[in-house]
Amino acid sequence: MFHKLSSALGIFAIKLNLLIMNAIEKEILSFKEVLELLGISKSSLYKLTSSNKIPFLKPTNGKLYFKREQVLLWLTQDKSQSEQPNISITPNSGKNGN
């Protein structure tokens, strides 16, 4: 019984690796493939697409697709400056003149 389970797990691991390799090599990725590539949740990816923070394609059938090259470019961009809050300093207008 243990040997059968071990063999099944080995086959599953091989299939999973093939799926991941296929996703890496494909030019157009599905929503699920981008989830696996980025290692994020569905809700996180939906938030990124709804706020147009990640490039995506939405053909007439309503499903979301992504160009692999654009996703990888987006992933490697320096987002630190774009995520900095806008802070404005207003002079203190208190009674003590400070």
C-alpha atoms as a PDB file:
ATOM      1  CA  MET A   1       0.000   0.000   0.000  1.00  0.00           C
ATOM      2  CA  PHE A   2       2.787   2.437   0.930  1.00  0.00           C
ATOM      3  CA  HIS A   3       4.643   1.654  -2.318  1.00  0.00           C
ATOM      4  CA  LYS A   4       1.538   2.494  -4.401  1.00  0.00           C
ATOM      5  CA  LEU A   5       1.071   5.772  -2.545  1.00  0.00           C
ATOM      6  CA  SER A   6       4.730   6.640  -2.977  1.00  0.00           C
ATOM      7  CA  SER A   7       4.534   5.907  -6.721  1.00  0.00           C
ATOM      8  CA  ALA A   8       1.380   7.995  -7.072  1.00  0.00           C
ATOM      9  CA  LEU A   9       3.015  10.925  -5.275  1.00  0.00           C
ATOM     10  CA  GLY A  10       6.077  10.634  -7.518  1.00  0.00           C
ATOM     11  CA  ILE A  11       3.925  10.741 -10.648  1.00  0.00           C
ATOM     12  CA  PHE A  12       1.981  13.691  -9.247  1.00  0.00           C
ATOM     13  CA  ALA A  13       5.221  15.582  -8.562  1.00  0.00           C
ATOM     14  CA  ILE A  14       6.430  14.957 -12.119  1.00  0.00           C
ATOM     15  CA  LYS A  15       3.129  16.184 -13.594  1.00  0.00           C
ATOM     16  CA  LEU A  16       3.194  19.260 -11.369  1.00  0.00           C
ATOM     17  CA  ASN A  17       6.740  20.099 -12.469  1.00  0.00           C
ATOM     18  CA  LEU A  18       5.729  19.718 -16.114  1.00  0.00           C
ATOM     19  CA  LEU A  19       2.762  22.042 -15.599  1.00  0.00           C
ATOM     20  CA  ILE A  20       4.981  24.655 -13.952  1.00  0.00           C
ATOM     21  CA  MET A  21       7.589  24.390 -16.713  1.00  0.00           C
ATOM     22  CA  ASN A  22       4.843  24.729 -19.325  1.00  0.00           C
ATOM     23  CA  ALA A  23       3.494  27.838 -17.593  1.00  0.00           C
ATOM     24  CA  ILE A  24       6.963  29.396 -17.553  1.00  0.00           C
ATOM     25  CA  GLU A  25       7.484  28.785 -21.267  1.00  0.00           C
ATOM     26  CA  LYS A  26       4.026  29.836 -22.486  1.00  0.00           C
ATOM     27  CA  GLU A  27       3.639  33.314 -23.953  1.00  0.00           C
ATOM     28  CA  ILE A  28       0.035  33.798 -22.786  1.00  0.00           C
ATOM     29  CA  LEU A  29      -0.851  32.689 -19.250  1.00  0.00           C
ATOM     30  CA  SER A  30      -4.213  31.987 -17.676  1.00  0.00           C
ATOM     31  CA  PHE A  31      -5.342  33.509 -14.385  1.00  0.00           C
ATOM     32  CA  LYS A  32      -4.503  30.266 -12.576  1.00  0.00           C
ATOM     33  CA  GLU A  33      -1.041  30.076 -14.145  1.00  0.00           C
ATOM     34  CA  VAL A  34      -0.250  33.623 -12.990  1.00  0.00           C
ATOM     35  CA  LEU A  35      -1.408  32.703  -9.480  1.00  0.00           C
ATOM     36  CA  GLU A  36       1.083  29.827  -9.492  1.00  0.00           C
ATOM     37  CA  LEU A  37       3.847  31.917 -11.072  1.00  0.00           C
ATOM     38  CA  LEU A  38       3.516  34.751  -8.543  1.00  0.00           C
ATOM     39  CA  GLY A  39       2.523  32.599  -5.573  1.00  0.00           C
ATOM     40  CA  ILE A  40      -0.367  34.866  -4.567  1.00  0.00           C
ATOM     41  CA  SER A  41      -4.044  34.366  -3.744  1.00  0.00           C
ATOM     42  CA  LYS A  42      -6.970  34.819  -6.157  1.00  0.00           C
ATOM     43  CA  SER A  43      -8.159  37.878  -4.276  1.00  0.00           C
ATOM     44  CA  SER A  44      -4.703  39.482  -4.479  1.00  0.00           C
ATOM     45  CA  LEU A  45      -4.547  38.990  -8.236  1.00  0.00           C
ATOM     46  CA  TYR A  46      -8.098  40.302  -8.676  1.00  0.00           C
ATOM     47  CA  LYS A  47      -7.129  43.417  -6.695  1.00  0.00           C
ATOM     48  CA  LEU A  48      -4.070  43.935  -8.887  1.00  0.00           C
ATOM     49  CA  THR A  49      -6.130  43.634 -12.066  1.00  0.00           C
ATOM     50  CA  SER A  50      -9.064  45.747 -10.876  1.00  0.00           C
ATOM     51  CA  SER A  51      -6.700  48.560  -9.915  1.00  0.00           C
ATOM     52  CA  ASN A  52      -4.743  48.130 -13.197  1.00  0.00           C
ATOM     53  CA  LYS A  53      -1.505  47.567 -11.274  1.00  0.00           C
ATOM     54  CA  ILE A  54      -0.622  44.486 -13.337  1.00  0.00           C
ATOM     55  CA  PRO A  55      -0.980  44.273 -17.136  1.00  0.00           C
ATOM     56  CA  PHE A  56      -3.638  41.842 -18.366  1.00  0.00           C
ATOM     57  CA  LEU A  57      -5.796  40.959 -21.348  1.00  0.00           C
ATOM     58  CA  LYS A  58      -9.556  40.533 -21.217  1.00  0.00           C
ATOM     59  CA  PRO A  59     -10.980  39.194 -24.492  1.00  0.00           C
ATOM     60  CA  THR A  60     -14.712  39.294 -25.091  1.00  0.00           C
ATOM     61  CA  ASN A  61     -15.360  36.046 -23.178  1.00  0.00           C
ATOM     62  CA  GLY A  62     -14.575  37.790 -19.882  1.00  0.00           C
ATOM     63  CA  LYS A  63     -11.671  35.593 -18.794  1.00  0.00           C
ATOM     64  CA  LEU A  64      -8.404  37.248 -17.811  1.00  0.00           C
ATOM     65  CA  TYR A  65      -5.134  36.389 -19.536  1.00  0.00           C
ATOM     66  CA  PHE A  66      -1.620  37.692 -19.102  1.00  0.00           C
ATOM     67  CA  LYS A  67       1.440  38.017 -21.318  1.00  0.00           C
ATOM     68  CA  ARG A  68       4.226  36.186 -19.509  1.00  0.00           C
ATOM     69  CA  GLU A  69       6.842  38.756 -20.516  1.00  0.00           C
ATOM     70  CA  GLN A  70       4.728  41.636 -19.176  1.00  0.00           C
ATOM     71  CA  VAL A  71       4.054  39.844 -15.883  1.00  0.00           C
ATOM     72  CA  LEU A  72       7.762  39.151 -15.373  1.00  0.00           C
ATOM     73  CA  LEU A  73       8.621  42.748 -16.268  1.00  0.00           C
ATOM     74  CA  TRP A  74       5.965  44.019 -13.836  1.00  0.00           C
ATOM     75  CA  LEU A  75       7.357  41.724 -11.142  1.00  0.00           C
ATOM     76  CA  THR A  76      10.883  43.078 -11.538  1.00  0.00           C
ATOM     77  CA  GLN A  77       9.953  46.778 -11.646  1.00  0.00           C
ATOM     78  CA  ASP A  78      10.920  48.957  -8.705  1.00  0.00           C
ATOM     79  CA  LYS A  79       7.537  49.763  -7.184  1.00  0.00           C
ATOM     80  CA  SER A  80       8.956  51.402  -4.048  1.00  0.00           C
ATOM     81  CA  GLN A  81       8.612  54.940  -5.417  1.00  0.00           C
ATOM     82  CA  SER A  82       5.094  54.423  -6.788  1.00  0.00           C
ATOM     83  CA  GLU A  83       3.906  53.021  -3.475  1.00  0.00           C
ATOM     84  CA  GLN A  84       5.222  55.879  -1.333  1.00  0.00           C
ATOM     85  CA  PRO A  85       2.374  57.898   0.205  1.00  0.00           C
ATOM     86  CA  ASN A  86       1.960  61.509  -0.816  1.00  0.00           C
ATOM     87  CA  ILE A  87       2.764  63.516   2.294  1.00  0.00           C
ATOM     88  CA  SER A  88       2.188  67.228   2.414  1.00  0.00           C
ATOM     89  CA  ILE A  89       3.528  69.291   5.285  1.00  0.00           C
ATOM     90  CA  THR A  90       1.230  72.032   6.475  1.00  0.00           C
ATOM     91  CA  PRO A  91       2.667  74.763   8.715  1.00  0.00           C
ATOM     92  CA  ASN A  92       1.328  74.737  12.250  1.00  0.00           C
ATOM     93  CA  SER A  93      -1.159  77.552  12.745  1.00  0.00           C
ATOM     94  CA  GLY A  94      -1.465  77.162  16.520  1.00  0.00           C
ATOM     95  CA  LYS A  95      -1.942  80.011  19.022  1.00  0.00           C
ATOM     96  CA  ASN A  96       1.612  79.781  20.355  1.00  0.00           C
ATOM     97  CA  GLY A  97       3.120  80.831  17.003  1.00  0.00           C
ATOM     98  CA  ASN A  98       4.938  77.502  16.348  1.00  0.00           C
END
